[in-house]
Protein backbone atom coordinates (compact mmCIF):
# COMPACT_ATOMS: atom_id res chain seq x y z
CA UNK A 1 0.07 -34.34 -18.89
CA UNK A 2 2.58 -35.19 -16.18
CA UNK A 3 1.21 -36.37 -12.81
CA UNK A 4 2.94 -34.85 -9.81
CA UNK A 5 2.67 -36.70 -6.46
CA UNK A 6 1.16 -34.68 -3.62
CA UNK A 7 3.46 -34.45 -0.57
CA UNK A 8 2.03 -35.55 2.79
CA UNK A 9 2.39 -32.06 4.20
CA UNK A 10 0.10 -30.57 1.57
CA UNK A 11 -3.41 -29.68 2.92
CA UNK A 12 -5.04 -31.51 0.01
CA UNK A 13 -3.27 -34.78 0.87
CA UNK A 14 -5.61 -35.76 3.72
CA UNK A 15 -8.68 -34.70 1.71
CA UNK A 16 -7.72 -36.97 -1.18
CA UNK A 17 -6.76 -39.77 1.20
CA UNK A 18 -10.17 -39.68 2.91
CA UNK A 19 -11.84 -39.73 -0.50
CA UNK A 20 -9.74 -42.77 -1.45
CA UNK A 21 -10.68 -44.58 1.78
CA UNK A 22 -14.37 -43.77 1.26
CA UNK A 23 -14.19 -45.35 -2.20
CA UNK A 24 -12.46 -48.39 -0.71
CA UNK A 25 -15.22 -48.83 1.88
CA UNK A 26 -17.92 -48.57 -0.77
CA UNK A 27 -16.02 -51.05 -2.95
CA UNK A 28 -15.94 -53.47 -0.04
CA UNK A 29 -19.72 -53.11 0.40
CA UNK A 30 -20.30 -53.95 -3.25
CA UNK A 31 -18.29 -57.16 -3.03
CA UNK A 32 -15.53 -56.08 -5.39
CA UNK A 33 -13.03 -56.36 -2.57
CA UNK A 34 -12.18 -59.90 -3.69
CA UNK A 35 -9.68 -58.33 -6.09
CA UNK A 36 -7.96 -56.01 -3.61
CA UNK A 37 -4.24 -55.94 -3.04
CA UNK A 38 -2.35 -54.44 -0.12
CA UNK A 39 -1.26 -51.42 -2.17
CA UNK A 40 -4.92 -50.61 -2.90
CA UNK A 41 -5.78 -50.30 0.80
CA UNK A 42 -4.13 -46.91 1.30
CA UNK A 43 -1.01 -48.17 3.09
CA UNK A 44 2.24 -46.25 2.65
CA UNK A 45 5.35 -47.47 0.83
CA UNK A 46 7.32 -48.35 3.99
CA UNK A 47 4.55 -50.60 5.29
CA UNK A 48 4.03 -52.18 1.86
CA UNK A 49 7.76 -52.92 1.76
CA UNK A 50 7.55 -54.66 5.14
CA UNK A 51 4.54 -56.67 3.94
CA UNK A 52 6.54 -57.78 0.91
CA UNK A 53 9.44 -58.78 3.18
CA UNK A 54 7.00 -61.02 5.10
CA UNK A 55 6.01 -62.60 1.75
CA UNK A 56 2.31 -61.70 2.04
CA UNK A 57 0.70 -61.47 -1.39
CA UNK A 58 -2.91 -60.44 -0.78
CA UNK A 59 -4.98 -59.27 2.18
CA UNK A 60 -7.34 -61.63 3.97
CA UNK A 61 -11.06 -60.74 4.28
CA UNK A 62 -10.64 -59.27 7.77
CA UNK A 63 -7.72 -57.15 6.55
CA UNK A 64 -9.66 -55.93 3.50
CA UNK A 65 -12.54 -54.83 5.69
CA UNK A 66 -10.72 -53.55 8.78
CA UNK A 67 -7.77 -51.61 7.33
CA UNK A 68 -9.80 -48.92 5.49
CA UNK A 69 -12.08 -48.44 8.53
CA UNK A 70 -9.14 -47.99 10.90
CA UNK A 71 -7.34 -45.65 8.49
CA UNK A 72 -10.53 -43.58 8.29
CA UNK A 73 -10.31 -43.10 12.07
CA UNK A 74 -13.42 -45.10 12.99
CA UNK A 75 -13.92 -47.20 16.09
CA UNK A 76 -14.20 -50.87 15.22
CA UNK A 77 -15.98 -53.95 16.56
CA UNK A 78 -14.71 -57.01 14.73
CA UNK A 79 -15.36 -60.72 15.09
CA UNK A 80 -12.64 -62.94 13.66
CA UNK A 81 -11.21 -66.31 14.56
CA UNK A 82 -7.55 -67.04 15.17
CA UNK A 83 -5.72 -67.59 11.89
CA UNK A 84 -7.75 -65.06 9.86
CA UNK A 85 -5.00 -62.43 9.82
CA UNK A 86 -6.74 -60.16 12.31
CA UNK A 87 -3.46 -59.05 13.93
CA UNK A 88 -2.31 -57.44 10.68
CA UNK A 89 -5.85 -56.12 10.29
CA UNK A 90 -5.32 -53.71 13.17
CA UNK A 91 -1.51 -53.48 13.28
CA UNK A 92 -0.91 -52.25 9.72
CA UNK A 93 -3.30 -49.27 9.82
CA UNK A 94 -2.27 -48.49 13.41
CA UNK A 95 1.35 -48.17 12.31
CA UNK A 96 0.39 -45.93 9.42
CA UNK A 97 -1.67 -43.58 11.60
CA UNK A 98 1.12 -43.27 14.16
CA UNK A 99 3.83 -42.72 11.55
CA UNK A 100 1.84 -39.93 9.86
CA UNK A 101 1.68 -37.91 13.09
CA UNK A 102 5.14 -38.79 14.33
CA UNK A 103 6.70 -35.44 13.40
CA UNK A 104 4.33 -33.69 15.82
CA UNK A 105 5.78 -35.51 18.84
CA UNK A 106 8.33 -33.51 20.81
CA UNK A 107 10.60 -34.72 23.62
CA UNK A 108 10.43 -38.24 25.06
CA UNK A 109 8.09 -40.52 23.16
CA UNK A 110 4.78 -41.08 24.96
CA UNK A 111 2.87 -44.33 24.54
CA UNK A 112 0.42 -43.53 21.74
CA UNK A 113 -0.99 -46.98 20.97
CA UNK A 114 -1.95 -49.62 23.55
CA UNK A 115 -2.71 -53.21 22.57
CA UNK A 116 -4.20 -55.30 25.39
CA UNK A 117 -4.15 -59.11 25.18
CA UNK A 118 -5.19 -61.87 27.61
CA UNK A 119 -2.02 -63.99 27.62
CA UNK A 120 1.75 -63.70 27.52
CA UNK A 121 2.04 -65.87 24.42
CA UNK A 122 -0.41 -63.75 22.44
CA UNK A 123 1.30 -60.55 23.61
CA UNK A 124 4.68 -61.88 22.45
CA UNK A 125 3.25 -62.95 19.09
CA UNK A 126 1.65 -59.54 18.48
CA UNK A 127 4.87 -57.83 19.55
CA UNK A 128 6.80 -59.82 16.94
CA UNK A 129 4.27 -58.84 14.27
CA UNK A 130 4.49 -55.16 15.21
CA UNK A 131 8.29 -55.29 14.88
CA UNK A 132 8.12 -57.02 11.51
CA UNK A 133 5.54 -54.64 10.05
CA UNK A 134 7.31 -51.51 11.39
CA UNK A 135 10.77 -52.56 10.18
CA UNK A 136 11.10 -49.51 7.92
CA UNK A 137 9.34 -47.03 10.23
CA UNK A 138 10.87 -44.94 12.99
CA UNK A 139 8.51 -46.29 15.63
CA UNK A 140 9.41 -48.04 18.87
CA UNK A 141 7.38 -50.89 20.30
CA UNK A 142 7.56 -52.97 23.45
CA UNK A 143 5.84 -55.99 25.00
CA UNK A 144 5.14 -56.28 28.75
CA UNK A 145 3.61 -59.21 30.66
CA UNK A 146 3.84 -60.88 34.04
CA UNK A 147 5.86 -63.90 35.04
CA UNK A 148 9.16 -62.09 34.45
CA UNK A 149 11.01 -59.33 36.32
CA UNK A 150 9.35 -55.94 36.12
CA UNK A 151 12.58 -53.93 36.50
CA UNK A 152 13.93 -54.37 32.93
CA UNK A 153 10.51 -53.38 31.62
CA UNK A 154 10.53 -50.22 33.74
CA UNK A 155 14.02 -49.34 32.50
CA UNK A 156 13.09 -49.78 28.84
CA UNK A 157 9.94 -47.69 29.21
CA UNK A 158 12.05 -44.76 30.37
CA UNK A 159 13.48 -44.51 26.86
CA UNK A 160 10.02 -43.95 25.44
CA UNK A 161 7.92 -46.22 23.23
CA UNK A 162 5.21 -45.50 20.68
CA UNK A 163 3.37 -48.84 20.84
CA UNK A 164 2.88 -50.91 23.98
CA UNK A 165 1.57 -54.49 23.85
CA UNK A 166 0.53 -55.60 27.33
CA UNK A 167 -1.42 -58.00 29.49
CA UNK A 168 -3.79 -56.13 31.85
CA UNK A 169 -2.22 -57.13 35.17
CA UNK A 170 1.35 -56.19 34.30
CA UNK A 171 0.22 -52.91 32.72
CA UNK A 172 -1.49 -51.89 35.97
CA UNK A 173 1.60 -52.90 37.94
CA UNK A 174 3.74 -50.63 35.75
CA UNK A 175 1.25 -47.79 36.00
CA UNK A 176 1.19 -48.15 39.79
CA UNK A 177 4.99 -47.79 39.76
CA UNK A 178 4.65 -44.62 37.63
CA UNK A 179 6.67 -46.40 34.93
CA UNK A 180 4.12 -45.80 32.17
CA UNK A 181 1.91 -42.82 31.32
CA UNK A 182 -1.35 -43.65 29.55
CA UNK A 183 -2.53 -40.05 29.15
CA UNK A 184 -1.39 -39.74 25.53
CA UNK A 185 -2.97 -42.89 24.11
CA UNK A 186 -4.40 -42.24 20.64
CA UNK A 187 -5.40 -45.80 19.71
CA UNK A 188 -6.58 -48.61 22.02
CA UNK A 189 -6.85 -52.21 20.82
CA UNK A 190 -8.56 -54.94 22.85
CA UNK A 191 -7.58 -58.23 21.22
CA UNK A 192 -9.44 -61.45 22.08
CA UNK A 193 -11.71 -59.40 24.31
CA UNK A 194 -14.00 -62.37 24.92
CA UNK A 195 -11.18 -64.35 26.47
CA UNK A 196 -10.10 -61.40 28.62
CA UNK A 197 -13.59 -61.20 30.09
CA UNK A 198 -13.70 -64.97 30.45
CA UNK A 199 -10.47 -64.85 32.47
CA UNK A 200 -11.91 -62.29 34.85
CA UNK A 201 -10.01 -59.24 33.58
CA UNK A 202 -13.07 -56.97 33.35
CA UNK A 203 -12.15 -55.06 36.53
CA UNK A 204 -8.58 -54.52 35.31
CA UNK A 205 -9.86 -53.36 31.94
CA UNK A 206 -12.18 -50.83 33.57
CA UNK A 207 -9.31 -49.49 35.67
CA UNK A 208 -7.16 -49.13 32.56
CA UNK A 209 -9.92 -47.39 30.60
CA UNK A 210 -10.33 -44.87 33.41
CA UNK A 211 -6.69 -43.81 32.94
CA UNK A 212 -6.93 -43.22 29.18
CA UNK A 213 -7.81 -39.92 27.49
CA UNK A 214 -11.46 -39.58 26.50
CA UNK A 215 -10.60 -38.78 22.89
CA UNK A 216 -9.08 -41.85 21.23
CA UNK A 217 -9.76 -44.50 18.62
CA UNK A 218 -10.94 -47.87 19.96
CA UNK A 219 -10.60 -51.22 18.19
CA UNK A 220 -12.25 -54.29 19.74
CA UNK A 221 -11.58 -57.78 18.39
CA UNK A 222 -13.44 -60.80 19.73
CA UNK A 223 -14.09 -64.33 18.53
CA UNK A 224 -17.73 -64.03 19.60
CA UNK A 225 -20.19 -61.23 20.36
CA UNK A 226 -21.52 -62.45 23.71
CA UNK A 227 -23.80 -60.26 25.83
CA UNK A 228 -20.82 -59.28 28.00
CA UNK A 229 -18.87 -58.20 24.91
CA UNK A 230 -21.82 -56.19 23.57
CA UNK A 231 -22.14 -54.44 26.93
CA UNK A 232 -18.42 -53.59 26.95
CA UNK A 233 -18.59 -52.37 23.35
CA UNK A 234 -21.56 -50.14 24.13
CA UNK A 235 -19.56 -48.34 26.81
CA UNK A 236 -16.25 -48.32 24.93
CA UNK A 237 -17.00 -47.65 21.26
CA UNK A 238 -18.29 -44.53 19.53
CA UNK A 239 -20.35 -45.18 16.38
CA UNK A 240 -18.21 -48.20 15.45
CA UNK A 241 -17.94 -50.07 12.19
CA UNK A 242 -19.03 -53.72 12.58
CA UNK A 243 -17.07 -56.46 10.85
CA UNK A 244 -17.59 -60.21 11.05
CA UNK A 245 -15.61 -62.86 9.18
CA UNK A 246 -15.23 -66.60 9.73
CA UNK A 247 -18.16 -66.90 12.18
CA UNK A 248 -17.74 -69.04 15.27
CA UNK A 249 -19.54 -72.03 13.75
CA UNK A 250 -17.09 -72.51 10.85
CA UNK A 251 -13.92 -74.54 10.66
CA UNK A 252 -11.13 -74.31 8.12
CA UNK A 253 -11.72 -76.30 4.92
CA UNK A 254 -8.21 -77.79 5.08
CA UNK A 255 -8.84 -79.55 8.42
CA UNK A 256 -9.93 -83.20 8.47
CA UNK A 257 -11.92 -83.94 11.63
CA UNK A 258 -12.74 -87.25 13.24
CA UNK A 259 -13.96 -88.70 16.54
CA UNK A 260 -12.73 -91.85 18.28
CA UNK A 261 -15.02 -93.14 21.04
CA UNK A 262 -12.94 -94.63 23.84
CA UNK A 263 -13.20 -95.28 27.58
CA UNK A 264 -11.79 -92.49 29.72
CA UNK A 265 -9.34 -94.89 31.36
CA UNK A 266 -7.87 -95.88 27.97
CA UNK A 267 -7.48 -92.45 26.36
CA UNK A 268 -3.79 -92.17 27.15
CA UNK A 269 -3.09 -95.64 25.75
CA UNK A 270 -4.94 -94.79 22.54
CA UNK A 271 -3.13 -91.47 22.18
CA UNK A 272 0.27 -93.15 22.61
CA UNK A 273 -0.74 -95.86 20.14
CA UNK A 274 -1.77 -93.32 17.47
CA UNK A 275 1.38 -91.23 17.90
CA UNK A 276 3.62 -94.29 17.72
CA UNK A 277 1.87 -96.32 15.02
CA UNK A 278 1.44 -93.33 12.69
CA UNK A 279 4.83 -91.81 13.56
CA UNK A 280 3.44 -88.37 14.40
CA UNK A 281 6.30 -85.96 15.07
CA UNK A 282 4.40 -82.82 16.09
CA UNK A 283 1.11 -83.02 17.99
CA UNK A 284 -0.73 -80.32 19.96
CA UNK A 285 -2.93 -81.96 22.61
CA UNK A 286 -5.65 -80.12 24.51
CA UNK A 287 -6.63 -80.87 28.10
CA UNK A 288 -9.28 -79.13 30.19
CA UNK A 289 -7.21 -78.70 33.36
CA UNK A 290 -3.66 -77.80 34.39
CA UNK A 291 -3.32 -80.91 36.56
CA UNK A 292 -4.55 -83.08 33.71
CA UNK A 293 -2.07 -81.48 31.30
CA UNK A 294 0.84 -82.13 33.68
CA UNK A 295 -0.23 -85.73 34.31
CA UNK A 296 -0.69 -86.51 30.61
CA UNK A 297 2.72 -85.07 29.69
CA UNK A 298 4.35 -87.19 32.42
CA UNK A 299 2.59 -90.35 31.19
CA UNK A 300 3.56 -89.74 27.57
CA UNK A 301 7.20 -89.30 28.56
CA UNK A 302 7.01 -92.63 30.41
CA UNK A 303 5.67 -94.15 27.19
CA UNK A 304 8.82 -92.94 25.42
CA UNK A 305 7.09 -90.02 23.68
CA UNK A 306 8.78 -86.69 24.44
CA UNK A 307 6.19 -84.23 25.76
CA UNK A 308 5.81 -81.03 27.76
CA UNK A 309 2.84 -79.18 29.27
CA UNK A 310 2.05 -75.47 29.18
CA UNK A 311 -0.56 -73.70 31.29
CA UNK A 312 -1.05 -70.63 33.44
CA UNK A 313 0.80 -71.99 36.47
CA UNK A 314 4.00 -72.59 34.50
CA UNK A 315 6.64 -69.87 34.64
CA UNK A 316 7.15 -67.75 31.55
CA UNK A 317 10.58 -69.31 31.06
CA UNK A 318 9.16 -72.83 31.18
CA UNK A 319 6.40 -71.96 28.71
CA UNK A 320 8.83 -70.31 26.31
CA UNK A 321 11.24 -73.27 26.45
CA UNK A 322 8.46 -75.80 25.92
CA UNK A 323 7.12 -73.94 22.89
CA UNK A 324 10.61 -73.48 21.41
CA UNK A 325 11.40 -77.19 21.89
CA UNK A 326 8.10 -78.11 20.25
CA UNK A 327 8.74 -75.89 17.23
CA UNK A 328 12.33 -77.17 16.92
CA UNK A 329 11.26 -80.82 17.05
CA UNK A 330 12.97 -81.56 20.37
CA UNK A 331 9.65 -82.73 21.79
CA UNK A 332 6.86 -84.41 19.83
CA UNK A 333 3.85 -83.47 21.96
CA UNK A 334 2.79 -80.18 23.53
CA UNK A 335 -0.06 -80.58 26.03
CA UNK A 336 -1.93 -77.31 26.59
CA UNK A 337 -4.95 -75.84 28.31
CA UNK A 338 -7.23 -73.56 26.29
CA UNK A 339 -6.02 -70.35 27.93
CA UNK A 340 -2.31 -71.17 27.57
CA UNK A 341 -2.77 -72.05 23.90
CA UNK A 342 -4.20 -68.62 23.02
CA UNK A 343 -1.72 -66.91 20.75
CA UNK A 344 0.28 -70.02 19.88
CA UNK A 345 1.43 -69.69 16.28
CA UNK A 346 2.99 -72.89 14.95
CA UNK A 347 3.75 -73.12 11.25
CA UNK A 348 2.30 -76.13 9.40
CA UNK A 349 1.14 -77.94 12.55
CA UNK A 350 -0.14 -81.30 11.24
CA UNK A 351 -2.09 -82.72 14.21
CA UNK A 352 -4.38 -81.39 16.95
CA UNK A 353 -5.87 -83.82 19.47
CA UNK A 354 -8.74 -83.04 21.82
CA UNK A 355 -7.77 -85.37 24.65
CA UNK A 356 -10.75 -83.88 26.47
CA UNK A 357 -13.52 -81.94 24.75
CA UNK A 358 -13.92 -78.31 25.85
CA UNK A 359 -16.89 -77.26 27.99
CA UNK A 360 -17.52 -74.29 25.67
CA UNK A 361 -18.31 -75.37 22.07
CA UNK A 362 -16.64 -72.31 20.51
CA UNK A 363 -13.35 -73.39 22.07
CA UNK A 364 -13.41 -76.46 19.83
CA UNK A 365 -13.13 -74.15 16.81
CA UNK A 366 -10.28 -72.23 18.46
CA UNK A 367 -8.44 -75.46 19.23
CA UNK A 368 -8.58 -77.11 15.84
CA UNK A 369 -7.85 -73.78 14.14
CA UNK A 370 -4.21 -74.25 15.17
CA UNK A 371 -3.85 -76.66 12.25
CA UNK A 372 -4.84 -76.35 8.60
CA UNK A 373 -3.42 -72.83 8.27
CA UNK A 374 -2.01 -71.03 5.21
CA UNK A 375 -3.54 -73.53 2.77
CA UNK A 376 -1.78 -76.45 4.53
CA UNK A 377 -3.74 -79.58 5.42
CA UNK A 378 -4.17 -80.72 9.00
CA UNK A 379 -6.20 -83.14 11.07
CA UNK A 380 -8.13 -82.73 14.30
CA UNK A 381 -8.84 -85.84 16.36
CA UNK A 382 -11.16 -85.96 19.36
CA UNK A 383 -10.99 -88.76 21.93
CA UNK A 384 -14.49 -88.90 23.38
CA UNK A 385 -15.59 -90.92 26.40
CA UNK A 386 -19.18 -91.52 27.50
CA UNK A 387 -19.05 -88.52 29.87
CA UNK A 388 -18.47 -86.21 26.89
CA UNK A 389 -21.28 -87.24 24.57
CA UNK A 390 -23.33 -84.14 25.42
CA UNK A 391 -20.30 -81.89 24.82
CA UNK A 392 -19.87 -83.52 21.40
CA UNK A 393 -23.53 -82.90 20.54
CA UNK A 394 -23.16 -79.24 21.55
CA UNK A 395 -20.09 -78.86 19.31
CA UNK A 396 -21.83 -80.49 16.34
CA UNK A 397 -24.87 -78.28 16.89
CA UNK A 398 -22.58 -75.24 16.67
CA UNK A 399 -20.86 -76.60 13.54
CA UNK A 400 -24.20 -77.65 12.02
CA UNK A 401 -22.45 -80.82 10.97
CA UNK A 402 -21.71 -84.29 12.35
CA UNK A 403 -18.04 -85.11 12.85
CA UNK A 404 -17.14 -88.53 11.36
CA UNK A 405 -16.85 -91.38 13.89
CA UNK A 406 -14.09 -93.92 13.35
CA UNK A 407 -13.69 -97.01 15.53
CA UNK A 408 -10.19 -98.28 16.33
CA UNK A 409 -9.83 -102.02 16.84
CA UNK A 410 -9.01 -102.91 20.41
CA UNK A 411 -10.15 -99.54 21.80
CA UNK A 412 -13.93 -99.71 21.43
CA UNK A 413 -15.66 -98.36 24.57
CA UNK A 414 -17.32 -100.60 27.14
CA UNK A 415 -21.11 -100.13 26.62
CA UNK A 416 -21.85 -100.92 30.28
CA UNK A 417 -20.02 -97.82 31.59
CA UNK A 418 -22.42 -95.02 32.55
CA UNK A 419 -21.78 -91.31 32.08
CA UNK A 420 -20.65 -89.23 35.05
CA UNK A 421 -20.87 -85.43 35.43
CA UNK A 422 -17.91 -83.38 34.22
CA UNK A 423 -16.95 -80.91 36.93
CA UNK A 424 -13.49 -79.75 35.88
CA UNK A 425 -12.76 -77.03 33.34
CA UNK A 426 -13.75 -73.43 32.99
CA UNK A 427 -17.27 -72.01 32.92
CA UNK A 428 -18.94 -70.78 29.80
CA UNK A 429 -18.74 -67.26 28.48
CA UNK A 430 -20.86 -64.71 30.21
CA UNK A 431 -20.65 -66.36 33.62
CA UNK A 432 -21.41 -63.94 36.42
CA UNK A 433 -19.38 -65.81 39.03
CA UNK A 434 -16.33 -63.66 38.64
CA UNK A 435 -15.46 -62.57 42.12
CA UNK A 436 -12.64 -60.40 43.31
CA UNK A 437 -10.44 -63.31 44.31
CA UNK A 438 -10.67 -64.92 40.87
CA UNK A 439 -9.76 -61.65 39.24
CA UNK A 440 -6.77 -61.17 41.49
CA UNK A 441 -5.61 -64.73 40.82
CA UNK A 442 -5.88 -64.26 37.05
CA UNK A 443 -3.94 -61.03 37.21
CA UNK A 444 -1.14 -62.52 39.28
CA UNK A 445 -0.60 -65.22 36.67
CA UNK A 446 -0.36 -62.84 33.76
């Protein structure tokens, strides 16, 4: 008997497709999903071709679980760390859903999918992924964020786009200028929702939600499910599927971690010594504050180690140049704050240094997750002074593991120095001290 493929226009096509997705979801529940491939997830030939072009061989756990749910039209609440493949987890099915209904669109293309992100870097990274995955589809995408002129963005929007990747502040600016119409949105994605709330974007998000059609599919991705996130999800999502992979207290198995205790006043000397003596050529260094990041980059340059800082007060051009120089090997050290580093995607990054420990333990996992990706090995080094001992204990409590301590001759800390309170750095998640001024400041920087 000869099998005849069913065309997409046939009424039975969607019935069989839903049956296939239902079987996929049940397979995932049974644990057999370990043997899935991309072509078993219900993705069309054009998207599979793009996946092959990107040299992806098999879906990650978040992709296995999320793609069938999104294709089935369900709202989604997913917890996944950076580096788990979550961007493809929502982008691939989103592209398929939009391409299937594309023939129904008449006239100028309305924005049908909106992806909101907290930072410019993450928006740009997602925009690149959307372009790569949609290479063989007749879909248009665009990225908009602050820090650059709004006029070219307004001009491009006039031509019509299907998928808009945006930071909240710039999106509202464009909407205020009547440059974008959000009334036809079919799919909304909130990526790194926890960080958006942490940055004070909740008021902007509420304003954006008020402008969207009531009937739409909502996908929420967050590293953690804090009380604030659960409250937002309750108002936003309709009978969502819940997915959680790589919980917040896990770190990649390919990352070697260690702690060096050192006096605060000697951290920069120790960092320069390690970079020079071990001939490190590419190091991502985390600092709690913008001023501290600037100062450290200046000091490293004086030590003869090429370095640059990126943070929210830097212009978009400066941030883009610094990241490009770092990737190209023109500078050896990139000093970043936690917020600025969101969305940084650096292939085979060998070294991450916590020059200062983060105030929020989960941010430690985000930081060191920049290395040890794609089966490559990496190391994460933390320089810890006496002021940070409590922060270290909090991190180890989250990890449920003690990070190895290694003493470096000549840099042992002075035992007579007493701990002082740490006042700089951001507040923890769920803080209620998010006033109007803070929100306006955050928006102006995006």
